[in-house]
Amino acid sequence: HTHYEAMYRQAFILLHDMEESRDAVSDVFSRLWDNPT
């Protein structure tokens, strides 16, 4: 909740696609959940 919006904005700047940006952020959080750091 703290960082989703900033991550999404950065992804959108790079990808220029809303769905792809959401997916990219979800993938990052999914990997963090599966491999806690």
Full PDB file with SEQRES, HELIX, SHEET, SSBOND, CRYST1, ORIGX, SCALE, CONECT and MASTER records, all heavy atoms in Angstrom:
SEQRES   1 A   37  HIS THR HIS TYR GLU ALA MET TYR ARG GLN ALA PHE ILE          
SEQRES   2 A   37  LEU LEU HIS ASP MET GLU GLU SER ARG ASP ALA VAL SER          
SEQRES   3 A   37  ASP VAL PHE SER ARG LEU TRP ASP ASN PRO THR                  
HELIX    1 AA1 TYR A    4  LEU A   15  1                                  12    
HELIX    2 AA2 MET A   18  ASP A   34  1                                  17    
CRYST1    1.000    1.000    1.000  90.00  90.00  90.00 P 1           1          
ORIGX1      1.000000  0.000000  0.000000        0.00000                         
ORIGX2      0.000000  1.000000  0.000000        0.00000                         
ORIGX3      0.000000  0.000000  1.000000        0.00000                         
SCALE1      1.000000  0.000000  0.000000        0.00000                         
SCALE2      0.000000  1.000000  0.000000        0.00000                         
SCALE3      0.000000  0.000000  1.000000        0.00000                         
ATOM      1  N   HIS A   1       0.813  -1.223   0.000  1.00  0.00           N  
ATOM      2  CA  HIS A   1       0.000   0.000   0.000  1.00  0.00           C  
ATOM      3  C   HIS A   1       0.847   1.274   0.000  1.00  0.00           C  
ATOM      4  O   HIS A   1       0.449   2.285  -0.576  1.00  0.00           O  
ATOM      5  CB  HIS A   1      -0.968   0.009   1.189  1.00  0.00           C  
ATOM      6  CG  HIS A   1      -2.051  -1.005   1.046  1.00  0.00           C  
ATOM      7  ND1 HIS A   1      -2.996  -0.957   0.054  1.00  0.00           N  
ATOM      8  CD2 HIS A   1      -2.336  -2.121   1.763  1.00  0.00           C  
ATOM      9  CE1 HIS A   1      -3.815  -1.979   0.161  1.00  0.00           C  
ATOM     10  NE2 HIS A   1      -3.438  -2.713   1.190  1.00  0.00           N  
ATOM     11  N   THR A   2       1.995   1.215   0.604  1.00  0.00           N  
ATOM     12  CA  THR A   2       2.866   2.383   0.667  1.00  0.00           C  
ATOM     13  C   THR A   2       3.530   2.682  -0.678  1.00  0.00           C  
ATOM     14  O   THR A   2       3.675   3.841  -1.056  1.00  0.00           O  
ATOM     15  CB  THR A   2       3.965   2.182   1.741  1.00  0.00           C  
ATOM     16  OG1 THR A   2       3.332   1.891   2.991  1.00  0.00           O  
ATOM     17  CG2 THR A   2       4.849   3.401   1.879  1.00  0.00           C  
ATOM     18  N   HIS A   3       3.908   1.634  -1.422  1.00  0.00           N  
ATOM     19  CA  HIS A   3       4.748   1.853  -2.598  1.00  0.00           C  
ATOM     20  C   HIS A   3       4.091   1.502  -3.937  1.00  0.00           C  
ATOM     21  O   HIS A   3       4.684   1.760  -4.988  1.00  0.00           O  
ATOM     22  CB  HIS A   3       6.051   1.064  -2.447  1.00  0.00           C  
ATOM     23  CG  HIS A   3       6.837   1.490  -1.258  1.00  0.00           C  
ATOM     24  ND1 HIS A   3       7.512   2.688  -1.196  1.00  0.00           N  
ATOM     25  CD2 HIS A   3       7.023   0.895  -0.055  1.00  0.00           C  
ATOM     26  CE1 HIS A   3       8.100   2.813  -0.025  1.00  0.00           C  
ATOM     27  NE2 HIS A   3       7.815   1.728   0.695  1.00  0.00           N  
ATOM     28  N   TYR A   4       2.917   0.933  -3.919  1.00  0.00           N  
ATOM     29  CA  TYR A   4       2.282   0.498  -5.169  1.00  0.00           C  
ATOM     30  C   TYR A   4       2.163   1.643  -6.176  1.00  0.00           C  
ATOM     31  O   TYR A   4       2.531   1.497  -7.342  1.00  0.00           O  
ATOM     32  CB  TYR A   4       0.898  -0.108  -4.906  1.00  0.00           C  
ATOM     33  CG  TYR A   4       0.218  -0.536  -6.187  1.00  0.00           C  
ATOM     34  CD1 TYR A   4       0.444  -1.803  -6.700  1.00  0.00           C  
ATOM     35  CD2 TYR A   4      -0.608   0.333  -6.895  1.00  0.00           C  
ATOM     36  CE1 TYR A   4      -0.153  -2.200  -7.882  1.00  0.00           C  
ATOM     37  CE2 TYR A   4      -1.200  -0.057  -8.081  1.00  0.00           C  
ATOM     38  CZ  TYR A   4      -0.971  -1.321  -8.569  1.00  0.00           C  
ATOM     39  OH  TYR A   4      -1.553  -1.706  -9.751  1.00  0.00           O  
ATOM     40  N   GLU A   5       1.642   2.764  -5.742  1.00  0.00           N  
ATOM     41  CA  GLU A   5       1.375   3.883  -6.661  1.00  0.00           C  
ATOM     42  C   GLU A   5       2.654   4.376  -7.346  1.00  0.00           C  
ATOM     43  O   GLU A   5       2.679   4.590  -8.560  1.00  0.00           O  
ATOM     44  CB  GLU A   5       0.685   5.026  -5.914  1.00  0.00           C  
ATOM     45  CG  GLU A   5       0.109   6.080  -6.822  1.00  0.00           C  
ATOM     46  CD  GLU A   5      -0.966   5.548  -7.773  1.00  0.00           C  
ATOM     47  OE1 GLU A   5      -1.761   4.684  -7.372  1.00  0.00           O  
ATOM     48  OE2 GLU A   5      -0.995   6.016  -8.931  1.00  0.00           O  
ATOM     49  N   ALA A   6       3.720   4.540  -6.580  1.00  0.00           N  
ATOM     50  CA  ALA A   6       4.991   5.011  -7.164  1.00  0.00           C  
ATOM     51  C   ALA A   6       5.555   3.979  -8.136  1.00  0.00           C  
ATOM     52  O   ALA A   6       6.064   4.338  -9.213  1.00  0.00           O  
ATOM     53  CB  ALA A   6       6.003   5.309  -6.061  1.00  0.00           C  
ATOM     54  N   MET A   7       5.432   2.712  -7.775  1.00  0.00           N  
ATOM     55  CA  MET A   7       5.927   1.649  -8.659  1.00  0.00           C  
ATOM     56  C   MET A   7       5.103   1.602  -9.946  1.00  0.00           C  
ATOM     57  O   MET A   7       5.657   1.465 -11.042  1.00  0.00           O  
ATOM     58  CB  MET A   7       5.894   0.299  -7.942  1.00  0.00           C  
ATOM     59  CG  MET A   7       6.876   0.202  -6.796  1.00  0.00           C  
ATOM     60  SD  MET A   7       6.643  -1.292  -5.814  1.00  0.00           S  
ATOM     61  CE  MET A   7       7.174  -2.546  -6.976  1.00  0.00           C  
ATOM     62  N   TYR A   8       3.800   1.734  -9.810  1.00  0.00           N  
ATOM     63  CA  TYR A   8       2.928   1.722 -10.978  1.00  0.00           C  
ATOM     64  C   TYR A   8       3.258   2.899 -11.906  1.00  0.00           C  
ATOM     65  O   TYR A   8       3.359   2.727 -13.121  1.00  0.00           O  
ATOM     66  CB  TYR A   8       1.447   1.780 -10.556  1.00  0.00           C  
ATOM     67  CG  TYR A   8       0.540   1.988 -11.739  1.00  0.00           C  
ATOM     68  CD1 TYR A   8       0.208   0.924 -12.573  1.00  0.00           C  
ATOM     69  CD2 TYR A   8       0.040   3.248 -12.040  1.00  0.00           C  
ATOM     70  CE1 TYR A   8      -0.595   1.115 -13.680  1.00  0.00           C  
ATOM     71  CE2 TYR A   8      -0.763   3.444 -13.140  1.00  0.00           C  
ATOM     72  CZ  TYR A   8      -1.081   2.389 -13.959  1.00  0.00           C  
ATOM     73  OH  TYR A   8      -1.870   2.572 -15.065  1.00  0.00           O  
ATOM     74  N   ARG A   9       3.433   4.084 -11.340  1.00  0.00           N  
ATOM     75  CA  ARG A   9       3.759   5.255 -12.162  1.00  0.00           C  
ATOM     76  C   ARG A   9       5.059   5.042 -12.928  1.00  0.00           C  
ATOM     77  O   ARG A   9       5.148   5.344 -14.114  1.00  0.00           O  
ATOM     78  CB  ARG A   9       3.850   6.515 -11.289  1.00  0.00           C  
ATOM     79  CG  ARG A   9       2.515   7.143 -10.982  1.00  0.00           C  
ATOM     80  CD  ARG A   9       2.658   8.555 -10.405  1.00  0.00           C  
ATOM     81  NE  ARG A   9       3.611   8.681  -9.327  1.00  0.00           N  
ATOM     82  CZ  ARG A   9       3.315   8.528  -8.032  1.00  0.00           C  
ATOM     83  NH1 ARG A   9       2.091   8.263  -7.660  1.00  0.00           N  
ATOM     84  NH2 ARG A   9       4.247   8.660  -7.118  1.00  0.00           N  
ATOM     85  N   GLN A  10       6.065   4.490 -12.250  1.00  0.00           N  
ATOM     86  CA  GLN A  10       7.340   4.262 -12.929  1.00  0.00           C  
ATOM     87  C   GLN A  10       7.163   3.221 -14.039  1.00  0.00           C  
ATOM     88  O   GLN A  10       7.695   3.381 -15.133  1.00  0.00           O  
ATOM     89  CB  GLN A  10       8.430   3.801 -11.964  1.00  0.00           C  
ATOM     90  CG  GLN A  10       9.753   3.619 -12.677  1.00  0.00           C  
ATOM     91  CD  GLN A  10      10.922   3.435 -11.740  1.00  0.00           C  
ATOM     92  OE1 GLN A  10      10.782   3.489 -10.537  1.00  0.00           O  
ATOM     93  NE2 GLN A  10      12.084   3.226 -12.303  1.00  0.00           N  
ATOM     94  N   ALA A  11       6.415   2.178 -13.762  1.00  0.00           N  
ATOM     95  CA  ALA A  11       6.178   1.150 -14.773  1.00  0.00           C  
ATOM     96  C   ALA A  11       5.436   1.740 -15.974  1.00  0.00           C  
ATOM     97  O   ALA A  11       5.777   1.461 -17.128  1.00  0.00           O  
ATOM     98  CB  ALA A  11       5.391  -0.010 -14.176  1.00  0.00           C  
ATOM     99  N   PHE A  12       4.451   2.582 -15.709  1.00  0.00           N  
ATOM    100  CA  PHE A  12       3.682   3.174 -16.799  1.00  0.00           C  
ATOM    101  C   PHE A  12       4.559   4.101 -17.651  1.00  0.00           C  
ATOM    102  O   PHE A  12       4.433   4.133 -18.871  1.00  0.00           O  
ATOM    103  CB  PHE A  12       2.468   3.944 -16.261  1.00  0.00           C  
ATOM    104  CG  PHE A  12       1.580   4.440 -17.355  1.00  0.00           C  
ATOM    105  CD1 PHE A  12       0.703   3.569 -17.994  1.00  0.00           C  
ATOM    106  CD2 PHE A  12       1.626   5.768 -17.767  1.00  0.00           C  
ATOM    107  CE1 PHE A  12      -0.106   4.014 -19.024  1.00  0.00           C  
ATOM    108  CE2 PHE A  12       0.815   6.216 -18.792  1.00  0.00           C  
ATOM    109  CZ  PHE A  12      -0.050   5.335 -19.425  1.00  0.00           C  
ATOM    110  N   ILE A  13       5.453   4.832 -17.005  1.00  0.00           N  
ATOM    111  CA  ILE A  13       6.368   5.702 -17.747  1.00  0.00           C  
ATOM    112  C   ILE A  13       7.225   4.872 -18.703  1.00  0.00           C  
ATOM    113  O   ILE A  13       7.467   5.273 -19.843  1.00  0.00           O  
ATOM    114  CB  ILE A  13       7.256   6.513 -16.776  1.00  0.00           C  
ATOM    115  CG1 ILE A  13       6.416   7.596 -16.094  1.00  0.00           C  
ATOM    116  CG2 ILE A  13       8.454   7.138 -17.495  1.00  0.00           C  
ATOM    117  CD1 ILE A  13       7.105   8.271 -14.913  1.00  0.00           C  
ATOM    118  N   LEU A  14       7.653   3.714 -18.265  1.00  0.00           N  
ATOM    119  CA  LEU A  14       8.514   2.865 -19.094  1.00  0.00           C  
ATOM    120  C   LEU A  14       7.739   2.049 -20.123  1.00  0.00           C  
ATOM    121  O   LEU A  14       8.211   1.845 -21.240  1.00  0.00           O  
ATOM    122  CB  LEU A  14       9.336   1.934 -18.200  1.00  0.00           C  
ATOM    123  CG  LEU A  14      10.374   2.620 -17.319  1.00  0.00           C  
ATOM    124  CD1 LEU A  14      10.929   1.654 -16.290  1.00  0.00           C  
ATOM    125  CD2 LEU A  14      11.495   3.200 -18.167  1.00  0.00           C  
ATOM    126  N   LEU A  15       6.556   1.565 -19.756  1.00  0.00           N  
ATOM    127  CA  LEU A  15       5.826   0.630 -20.623  1.00  0.00           C  
ATOM    128  C   LEU A  15       4.706   1.277 -21.451  1.00  0.00           C  
ATOM    129  O   LEU A  15       4.271   0.704 -22.441  1.00  0.00           O  
ATOM    130  CB  LEU A  15       5.236  -0.505 -19.784  1.00  0.00           C  
ATOM    131  CG  LEU A  15       6.238  -1.346 -19.004  1.00  0.00           C  
ATOM    132  CD1 LEU A  15       5.511  -2.334 -18.105  1.00  0.00           C  
ATOM    133  CD2 LEU A  15       7.185  -2.065 -19.963  1.00  0.00           C  
ATOM    134  N   HIS A  16       4.208   2.407 -21.001  1.00  0.00           N  
ATOM    135  CA  HIS A  16       3.117   3.112 -21.700  1.00  0.00           C  
ATOM    136  C   HIS A  16       1.870   2.244 -21.866  1.00  0.00           C  
ATOM    137  O   HIS A  16       1.169   2.350 -22.870  1.00  0.00           O  
ATOM    138  CB  HIS A  16       3.573   3.624 -23.073  1.00  0.00           C  
ATOM    139  CG  HIS A  16       4.808   4.437 -23.023  1.00  0.00           C  
ATOM    140  ND1 HIS A  16       4.836   5.720 -22.532  1.00  0.00           N  
ATOM    141  CD2 HIS A  16       6.091   4.138 -23.372  1.00  0.00           C  
ATOM    142  CE1 HIS A  16       6.065   6.189 -22.599  1.00  0.00           C  
ATOM    143  NE2 HIS A  16       6.846   5.259 -23.094  1.00  0.00           N  
ATOM    144  N   ASP A  17       1.613   1.388 -20.904  1.00  0.00           N  
ATOM    145  CA  ASP A  17       0.442   0.501 -20.970  1.00  0.00           C  
ATOM    146  C   ASP A  17      -0.041   0.235 -19.551  1.00  0.00           C  
ATOM    147  O   ASP A  17       0.722  -0.264 -18.728  1.00  0.00           O  
ATOM    148  CB  ASP A  17       0.831  -0.805 -21.669  1.00  0.00           C  
ATOM    149  CG  ASP A  17      -0.332  -1.738 -21.839  1.00  0.00           C  
ATOM    150  OD1 ASP A  17      -0.691  -2.422 -20.847  1.00  0.00           O  
ATOM    151  OD2 ASP A  17      -0.890  -1.803 -22.947  1.00  0.00           O  
ATOM    152  N   MET A  18      -1.301   0.551 -19.294  1.00  0.00           N  
ATOM    153  CA  MET A  18      -1.832   0.430 -17.932  1.00  0.00           C  
ATOM    154  C   MET A  18      -1.831  -1.019 -17.441  1.00  0.00           C  
ATOM    155  O   MET A  18      -1.370  -1.294 -16.332  1.00  0.00           O  
ATOM    156  CB  MET A  18      -3.254   1.003 -17.874  1.00  0.00           C  
ATOM    157  CG  MET A  18      -3.296   2.510 -18.022  1.00  0.00           C  
ATOM    158  SD  MET A  18      -4.946   3.230 -18.238  1.00  0.00           S  
ATOM    159  CE  MET A  18      -5.936   2.356 -17.090  1.00  0.00           C  
ATOM    160  N   GLU A  19      -2.367  -1.930 -18.240  1.00  0.00           N  
ATOM    161  CA  GLU A  19      -2.450  -3.336 -17.828  1.00  0.00           C  
ATOM    162  C   GLU A  19      -1.064  -3.947 -17.627  1.00  0.00           C  
ATOM    163  O   GLU A  19      -0.819  -4.639 -16.642  1.00  0.00           O  
ATOM    164  CB  GLU A  19      -3.225  -4.163 -18.867  1.00  0.00           C  
ATOM    165  CG  GLU A  19      -4.706  -3.976 -18.816  1.00  0.00           C  
ATOM    166  CD  GLU A  19      -5.302  -4.430 -17.487  1.00  0.00           C  
ATOM    167  OE1 GLU A  19      -4.961  -5.520 -17.000  1.00  0.00           O  
ATOM    168  OE2 GLU A  19      -6.109  -3.663 -16.940  1.00  0.00           O  
ATOM    169  N   GLU A  20      -0.191  -3.679 -18.563  1.00  0.00           N  
ATOM    170  CA  GLU A  20       1.161  -4.218 -18.462  1.00  0.00           C  
ATOM    171  C   GLU A  20       1.882  -3.656 -17.242  1.00  0.00           C  
ATOM    172  O   GLU A  20       2.643  -4.367 -16.586  1.00  0.00           O  
ATOM    173  CB  GLU A  20       1.922  -3.886 -19.747  1.00  0.00           C  
ATOM    174  CG  GLU A  20       2.937  -4.907 -20.127  1.00  0.00           C  
ATOM    175  CD  GLU A  20       3.434  -4.723 -21.538  1.00  0.00           C  
ATOM    176  OE1 GLU A  20       3.469  -3.572 -22.040  1.00  0.00           O  
ATOM    177  OE2 GLU A  20       3.799  -5.732 -22.131  1.00  0.00           O  
ATOM    178  N   SER A  21       1.628  -2.398 -16.936  1.00  0.00           N  
ATOM    179  CA  SER A  21       2.245  -1.765 -15.766  1.00  0.00           C  
ATOM    180  C   SER A  21       1.742  -2.417 -14.479  1.00  0.00           C  
ATOM    181  O   SER A  21       2.519  -2.714 -13.576  1.00  0.00           O  
ATOM    182  CB  SER A  21       1.942  -0.270 -15.746  1.00  0.00           C  
ATOM    183  OG  SER A  21       2.487   0.348 -16.886  1.00  0.00           O  
ATOM    184  N   ARG A  22       0.426  -2.639 -14.407  1.00  0.00           N  
ATOM    185  CA  ARG A  22      -0.133  -3.324 -13.225  1.00  0.00           C  
ATOM    186  C   ARG A  22       0.455  -4.730 -13.092  1.00  0.00           C  
ATOM    187  O   ARG A  22       0.800  -5.163 -11.991  1.00  0.00           O  
ATOM    188  CB  ARG A  22      -1.653  -3.416 -13.339  1.00  0.00           C  
ATOM    189  CG  ARG A  22      -2.346  -2.150 -13.000  1.00  0.00           C  
ATOM    190  CD  ARG A  22      -3.863  -2.355 -12.927  1.00  0.00           C  
ATOM    191  NE  ARG A  22      -4.463  -1.137 -13.380  1.00  0.00           N  
ATOM    192  CZ  ARG A  22      -5.241  -0.993 -14.444  1.00  0.00           C  
ATOM    193  NH1 ARG A  22      -5.569  -2.028 -15.162  1.00  0.00           N  
ATOM    194  NH2 ARG A  22      -5.718   0.173 -14.775  1.00  0.00           N  
ATOM    195  N   ASP A  23       0.549  -5.430 -14.215  1.00  0.00           N  
ATOM    196  CA  ASP A  23       1.109  -6.782 -14.188  1.00  0.00           C  
ATOM    197  C   ASP A  23       2.564  -6.773 -13.717  1.00  0.00           C  
ATOM    198  O   ASP A  23       2.984  -7.650 -12.956  1.00  0.00           O  
ATOM    199  CB  ASP A  23       1.022  -7.439 -15.566  1.00  0.00           C  
ATOM    200  CG  ASP A  23      -0.392  -7.786 -15.959  1.00  0.00           C  
ATOM    201  OD1 ASP A  23      -1.292  -7.777 -15.087  1.00  0.00           O  
ATOM    202  OD2 ASP A  23      -0.622  -8.073 -17.164  1.00  0.00           O  
ATOM    203  N   ALA A  24       3.325  -5.801 -14.182  1.00  0.00           N  
ATOM    204  CA  ALA A  24       4.743  -5.716 -13.792  1.00  0.00           C  
ATOM    205  C   ALA A  24       4.870  -5.507 -12.284  1.00  0.00           C  
ATOM    206  O   ALA A  24       5.679  -6.176 -11.632  1.00  0.00           O  
ATOM    207  CB  ALA A  24       5.436  -4.581 -14.554  1.00  0.00           C  
ATOM    208  N   VAL A  25       4.066  -4.609 -11.734  1.00  0.00           N  
ATOM    209  CA  VAL A  25       4.114  -4.357 -10.289  1.00  0.00           C  
ATOM    210  C   VAL A  25       3.679  -5.613  -9.531  1.00  0.00           C  
ATOM    211  O   VAL A  25       4.321  -6.013  -8.553  1.00  0.00           O  
ATOM    212  CB  VAL A  25       3.239  -3.139  -9.899  1.00  0.00           C  
ATOM    213  CG1 VAL A  25       3.184  -2.980  -8.388  1.00  0.00           C  
ATOM    214  CG2 VAL A  25       3.771  -1.867 -10.548  1.00  0.00           C  
ATOM    215  N   SER A  26       2.637  -6.254 -10.023  1.00  0.00           N  
ATOM    216  CA  SER A  26       2.175  -7.495  -9.376  1.00  0.00           C  
ATOM    217  C   SER A  26       3.250  -8.571  -9.412  1.00  0.00           C  
ATOM    218  O   SER A  26       3.435  -9.299  -8.433  1.00  0.00           O  
ATOM    219  CB  SER A  26       0.915  -8.007 -10.071  1.00  0.00           C  
ATOM    220  OG  SER A  26      -0.142  -7.114  -9.866  1.00  0.00           O  
ATOM    221  N   ASP A  27       3.953  -8.670 -10.533  1.00  0.00           N  
ATOM    222  CA  ASP A  27       5.030  -9.664 -10.644  1.00  0.00           C  
ATOM    223  C   ASP A  27       6.135  -9.398  -9.627  1.00  0.00           C  
ATOM    224  O   ASP A  27       6.667 -10.329  -9.018  1.00  0.00           O  
ATOM    225  CB  ASP A  27       5.624  -9.682 -12.055  1.00  0.00           C  
ATOM    226  CG  ASP A  27       4.693 -10.292 -13.083  1.00  0.00           C  
ATOM    227  OD1 ASP A  27       3.711 -10.959 -12.682  1.00  0.00           O  
ATOM    228  OD2 ASP A  27       4.946 -10.096 -14.288  1.00  0.00           O  
ATOM    229  N   VAL A  28       6.494  -8.134  -9.447  1.00  0.00           N  
ATOM    230  CA  VAL A  28       7.540  -7.793  -8.476  1.00  0.00           C  
ATOM    231  C   VAL A  28       7.088  -8.194  -7.071  1.00  0.00           C  
ATOM    232  O   VAL A  28       7.826  -8.848  -6.327  1.00  0.00           O  
ATOM    233  CB  VAL A  28       7.904  -6.293  -8.535  1.00  0.00           C  
ATOM    234  CG1 VAL A  28       8.758  -5.886  -7.337  1.00  0.00           C  
ATOM    235  CG2 VAL A  28       8.623  -5.975  -9.838  1.00  0.00           C  
ATOM    236  N   PHE A  29       5.865  -7.820  -6.704  1.00  0.00           N  
ATOM    237  CA  PHE A  29       5.377  -8.166  -5.364  1.00  0.00           C  
ATOM    238  C   PHE A  29       5.215  -9.678  -5.205  1.00  0.00           C  
ATOM    239  O   PHE A  29       5.480 -10.232  -4.142  1.00  0.00           O  
ATOM    240  CB  PHE A  29       4.073  -7.437  -5.042  1.00  0.00           C  
ATOM    241  CG  PHE A  29       4.300  -6.042  -4.546  1.00  0.00           C  
ATOM    242  CD1 PHE A  29       3.924  -4.953  -5.311  1.00  0.00           C  
ATOM    243  CD2 PHE A  29       4.903  -5.810  -3.319  1.00  0.00           C  
ATOM    244  CE1 PHE A  29       4.142  -3.657  -4.862  1.00  0.00           C  
ATOM    245  CE2 PHE A  29       5.130  -4.524  -2.854  1.00  0.00           C  
ATOM    246  CZ  PHE A  29       4.743  -3.440  -3.628  1.00  0.00           C  
ATOM    247  N   SER A  30       4.829 -10.352  -6.262  1.00  0.00           N  
ATOM    248  CA  SER A  30       4.698 -11.808  -6.207  1.00  0.00           C  
ATOM    249  C   SER A  30       6.052 -12.467  -5.930  1.00  0.00           C  
ATOM    250  O   SER A  30       6.161 -13.379  -5.110  1.00  0.00           O  
ATOM    251  CB  SER A  30       4.122 -12.318  -7.529  1.00  0.00           C  
ATOM    252  OG  SER A  30       4.084 -13.711  -7.540  1.00  0.00           O  
ATOM    253  N   ARG A  31       7.083 -11.980  -6.618  1.00  0.00           N  
ATOM    254  CA  ARG A  31       8.418 -12.531  -6.382  1.00  0.00           C  
ATOM    255  C   ARG A  31       8.905 -12.232  -4.972  1.00  0.00           C  
ATOM    256  O   ARG A  31       9.559 -13.066  -4.348  1.00  0.00           O  
ATOM    257  CB  ARG A  31       9.410 -12.008  -7.412  1.00  0.00           C  
ATOM    258  CG  ARG A  31       9.456 -12.927  -8.626  1.00  0.00           C  
ATOM    259  CD  ARG A  31      10.564 -12.593  -9.580  1.00  0.00           C  
ATOM    260  NE  ARG A  31      10.003 -11.608 -10.513  1.00  0.00           N  
ATOM    261  CZ  ARG A  31      10.535 -10.441 -10.763  1.00  0.00           C  
ATOM    262  NH1 ARG A  31      11.656 -10.075 -10.217  1.00  0.00           N  
ATOM    263  NH2 ARG A  31       9.963  -9.606 -11.597  1.00  0.00           N  
ATOM    264  N   LEU A  32       8.579 -11.047  -4.477  1.00  0.00           N  
ATOM    265  CA  LEU A  32       8.966 -10.708  -3.102  1.00  0.00           C  
ATOM    266  C   LEU A  32       8.248 -11.604  -2.098  1.00  0.00           C  
ATOM    267  O   LEU A  32       8.810 -11.983  -1.073  1.00  0.00           O  
ATOM    268  CB  LEU A  32       8.670  -9.247  -2.802  1.00  0.00           C  
ATOM    269  CG  LEU A  32       9.617  -8.228  -3.397  1.00  0.00           C  
ATOM    270  CD1 LEU A  32       9.111  -6.817  -3.136  1.00  0.00           C  
ATOM    271  CD2 LEU A  32      11.018  -8.400  -2.841  1.00  0.00           C  
ATOM    272  N   TRP A  33       6.998 -11.929  -2.374  1.00  0.00           N  
ATOM    273  CA  TRP A  33       6.240 -12.798  -1.478  1.00  0.00           C  
ATOM    274  C   TRP A  33       6.820 -14.215  -1.500  1.00  0.00           C  
ATOM    275  O   TRP A  33       6.987 -14.842  -0.468  1.00  0.00           O  
ATOM    276  CB  TRP A  33       4.773 -12.835  -1.879  1.00  0.00           C  
ATOM    277  CG  TRP A  33       3.965 -13.717  -0.994  1.00  0.00           C  
ATOM    278  CD1 TRP A  33       3.570 -15.006  -1.258  1.00  0.00           C  
ATOM    279  CD2 TRP A  33       3.477 -13.427   0.317  1.00  0.00           C  
ATOM    280  NE1 TRP A  33       2.863 -15.511  -0.202  1.00  0.00           N  
ATOM    281  CE2 TRP A  33       2.788 -14.554   0.783  1.00  0.00           C  
ATOM    282  CE3 TRP A  33       3.556 -12.303   1.137  1.00  0.00           C  
ATOM    283  CZ2 TRP A  33       2.180 -14.608   2.036  1.00  0.00           C  
ATOM    284  CZ3 TRP A  33       2.945 -12.355   2.375  1.00  0.00           C  
ATOM    285  CH2 TRP A  33       2.272 -13.498   2.811  1.00  0.00           C  
ATOM    286  N   ASP A  34       7.154 -14.707  -2.708  1.00  0.00           N  
ATOM    287  CA  ASP A  34       7.692 -16.065  -2.850  1.00  0.00           C  
ATOM    288  C   ASP A  34       9.121 -16.185  -2.327  1.00  0.00           C  
ATOM    289  O   ASP A  34       9.517 -17.246  -1.847  1.00  0.00           O  
ATOM    290  CB  ASP A  34       7.666 -16.501  -4.321  1.00  0.00           C  
ATOM    291  CG  ASP A  34       6.253 -16.685  -4.830  1.00  0.00           C  
ATOM    292  OD1 ASP A  34       5.317 -16.846  -4.007  1.00  0.00           O  
ATOM    293  OD2 ASP A  34       6.065 -16.653  -6.067  1.00  0.00           O  
ATOM    294  N   ASN A  35       9.893 -15.121  -2.442  1.00  0.00           N  
ATOM    295  CA  ASN A  35      11.298 -15.110  -2.004  1.00  0.00           C  
ATOM    296  C   ASN A  35      11.509 -13.929  -1.060  1.00  0.00           C  
ATOM    297  O   ASN A  35      12.055 -12.904  -1.465  1.00  0.00           O  
ATOM    298  CB  ASN A  35      12.243 -14.976  -3.206  1.00  0.00           C  
ATOM    299  CG  ASN A  35      12.008 -16.050  -4.223  1.00  0.00           C  
ATOM    300  OD1 ASN A  35      12.037 -17.226  -3.903  1.00  0.00           O  
ATOM    301  ND2 ASN A  35      11.740 -15.651  -5.456  1.00  0.00           N  
ATOM    302  N   PRO A  36      11.091 -14.076   0.174  1.00  0.00           N  
ATOM    303  CA  PRO A  36      11.179 -12.932   1.105  1.00  0.00           C  
ATOM    304  C   PRO A  36      12.609 -12.406   1.232  1.00  0.00           C  
ATOM    305  O   PRO A  36      13.565 -13.172   1.307  1.00  0.00           O  
ATOM    306  CB  PRO A  36      10.708 -13.512   2.433  1.00  0.00           C  
ATOM    307  CG  PRO A  36      10.072 -14.809   2.125  1.00  0.00           C  
ATOM    308  CD  PRO A  36      10.590 -15.274   0.806  1.00  0.00           C  
ATOM    309  N   THR A  37      12.713 -11.109   1.192  1.00  0.00           N  
ATOM    310  CA  THR A  37      13.995 -10.429   1.307  1.00  0.00           C  
ATOM    311  C   THR A  37      13.880  -9.416   2.441  1.00  0.00           C  
ATOM    312  O   THR A  37      12.860  -8.742   2.557  1.00  0.00           O  
ATOM    313  CB  THR A  37      14.316  -9.670  -0.005  1.00  0.00           C  
ATOM    314  OG1 THR A  37      14.258 -10.587  -1.089  1.00  0.00           O  
ATOM    315  CG2 THR A  37      15.678  -9.033   0.038  1.00  0.00           C  
TER     316      THR A  37                                                      
MASTER        0    0    0    2    0    0    0    6  315    1    0    3          
END                                                                             
